[in-house]
Amino acid sequence: MRHILTFMKIRAKVVALLGAVFLALTFVEWGVGQALLLPRFEEIALDNARTAMKRIDFGVHQALNEIQVSATDWGNWKDTYEFLQDHNAQFAQDNLNETSMRQLRLMTGLS
């Protein structure tokens, strides 16, 4: 009978010891995750967010530049169309000068 009580005491001690070791390892794992891993993952997430924002910013600026070029082009054609309709002398003075003709390579035969 005494042997059985000793066995139970040893069994309870082993279970308690294993439980304590498991609990300690759980806290160590949680601490390592909080102290070492979580900050690194947050840093990676922030870096990815910054990269994504740079890409978005570049895309928006690219789209705005394309819209600006298109709007300028359409604006010039609108002015040209109106000049063909009303022969506006101010348009001819502003746009049909020697510089613009050279840029369009229209002065080669005239010079």
Protein backbone atom coordinates (compact mmCIF):
# COMPACT_ATOMS: atom_id res chain seq x y z
CA MET A 1 0.00 0.00 0.00
CA ARG A 2 2.83 2.34 0.81
CA HIS A 3 4.35 1.59 -2.60
CA ILE A 4 1.16 2.74 -4.34
CA LEU A 5 1.14 6.04 -2.43
CA THR A 6 4.76 6.66 -3.39
CA PHE A 7 3.94 5.96 -7.00
CA MET A 8 1.04 8.42 -6.92
CA LYS A 9 3.22 11.06 -5.38
CA ILE A 10 5.85 10.59 -8.07
CA ARG A 11 3.19 10.62 -10.76
CA ALA A 12 1.69 13.83 -9.43
CA LYS A 13 5.15 15.38 -9.21
CA VAL A 14 5.97 14.43 -12.80
CA VAL A 15 2.63 15.79 -14.06
CA ALA A 16 3.14 19.02 -12.11
CA LEU A 17 6.71 19.34 -13.38
CA LEU A 18 5.68 18.72 -17.00
CA GLY A 19 2.84 21.20 -16.62
CA ALA A 20 5.21 23.82 -15.22
CA VAL A 21 7.75 23.22 -18.01
CA PHE A 22 4.99 23.44 -20.63
CA LEU A 23 3.68 26.66 -19.07
CA ALA A 24 7.21 28.14 -18.90
CA LEU A 25 7.92 27.24 -22.53
CA THR A 26 4.60 28.77 -23.55
CA PHE A 27 5.54 32.05 -21.87
CA VAL A 28 9.02 31.97 -23.40
CA GLU A 29 7.54 31.40 -26.86
CA TRP A 30 5.07 34.26 -26.37
CA GLY A 31 7.85 36.54 -25.11
CA VAL A 32 10.11 35.73 -28.06
CA GLY A 33 7.24 36.38 -30.45
CA GLN A 34 6.45 39.74 -28.84
CA ALA A 35 10.04 40.88 -28.43
CA LEU A 36 11.69 39.61 -31.61
CA LEU A 37 9.21 38.49 -34.23
CA LEU A 38 6.32 40.95 -33.95
CA PRO A 39 8.44 44.12 -34.38
CA ARG A 40 10.11 42.63 -37.46
CA PHE A 41 6.76 41.70 -39.01
CA GLU A 42 5.45 45.20 -38.27
CA GLU A 43 8.54 46.66 -39.96
CA ILE A 44 8.00 44.46 -43.02
CA ALA A 45 4.31 45.45 -43.18
CA LEU A 46 5.19 49.16 -42.96
CA ASP A 47 7.84 48.77 -45.65
CA ASN A 48 5.34 47.03 -47.93
CA ALA A 49 2.79 49.77 -47.26
CA ARG A 50 5.35 52.48 -48.11
CA THR A 51 6.27 50.68 -51.33
CA ALA A 52 2.60 50.35 -52.28
CA MET A 53 2.02 54.05 -51.58
CA LYS A 54 5.00 55.00 -53.75
CA ARG A 55 3.57 52.90 -56.58
CA ILE A 56 0.14 54.47 -56.16
CA ASP A 57 1.67 57.95 -56.05
CA PHE A 58 3.66 57.24 -59.21
CA GLY A 59 0.57 55.87 -60.97
CA VAL A 60 -1.53 58.89 -60.03
CA HIS A 61 1.17 61.31 -61.17
CA GLN A 62 1.59 59.37 -64.42
CA ALA A 63 -2.16 59.51 -65.06
CA LEU A 64 -2.26 63.24 -64.27
CA ASN A 65 0.64 63.89 -66.65
CA GLU A 66 -1.13 61.98 -69.41
CA ILE A 67 -4.35 63.91 -68.77
CA GLN A 68 -2.41 67.18 -68.85
CA VAL A 69 -0.80 66.30 -72.19
CA SER A 70 -4.14 65.26 -73.62
CA ALA A 71 -5.91 68.36 -72.33
CA THR A 72 -3.16 70.61 -73.73
CA ASP A 73 -3.34 68.83 -77.07
CA TRP A 74 -7.13 69.14 -77.22
CA GLY A 75 -6.90 72.78 -76.14
CA ASN A 76 -4.48 73.54 -78.97
CA TRP A 77 -6.70 71.81 -81.50
CA LYS A 78 -9.73 73.71 -80.23
CA ASP A 79 -7.90 77.02 -80.71
CA THR A 80 -6.77 75.93 -84.18
CA TYR A 81 -10.30 74.91 -85.11
CA GLU A 82 -11.63 78.28 -83.97
CA PHE A 83 -8.89 80.04 -85.97
CA LEU A 84 -9.96 78.19 -89.10
CA GLN A 85 -13.54 79.35 -88.48
CA ASP A 86 -12.95 83.01 -87.59
CA HIS A 87 -9.37 83.76 -88.78
CA ASN A 88 -8.49 85.33 -85.41
CA ALA A 89 -5.46 87.60 -85.89
CA GLN A 90 -4.36 87.17 -82.25
CA PHE A 91 -4.09 83.38 -82.72
CA ALA A 92 -1.97 83.88 -85.85
CA GLN A 93 0.28 86.33 -84.03
CA ASP A 94 0.70 84.05 -80.98
CA ASN A 95 1.02 80.70 -82.74
CA LEU A 96 2.05 81.18 -86.34
CA ASN A 97 5.44 82.76 -85.67
CA GLU A 98 8.90 81.78 -86.82
CA THR A 99 9.67 79.74 -83.68
CA SER A 100 6.59 77.55 -83.96
CA MET A 101 7.16 77.07 -87.69
CA ARG A 102 10.71 75.89 -87.03
CA GLN A 103 9.48 73.49 -84.36
CA LEU A 104 7.02 72.07 -86.87
CA ARG A 105 9.75 72.07 -89.54
CA LEU A 106 7.63 74.20 -91.84
CA MET A 107 10.23 76.93 -92.42
CA THR A 108 12.68 74.78 -94.43
CA GLY A 109 11.23 75.80 -97.74
CA LEU A 110 10.69 79.42 -96.72
CA SER A 111 14.13 80.31 -95.35
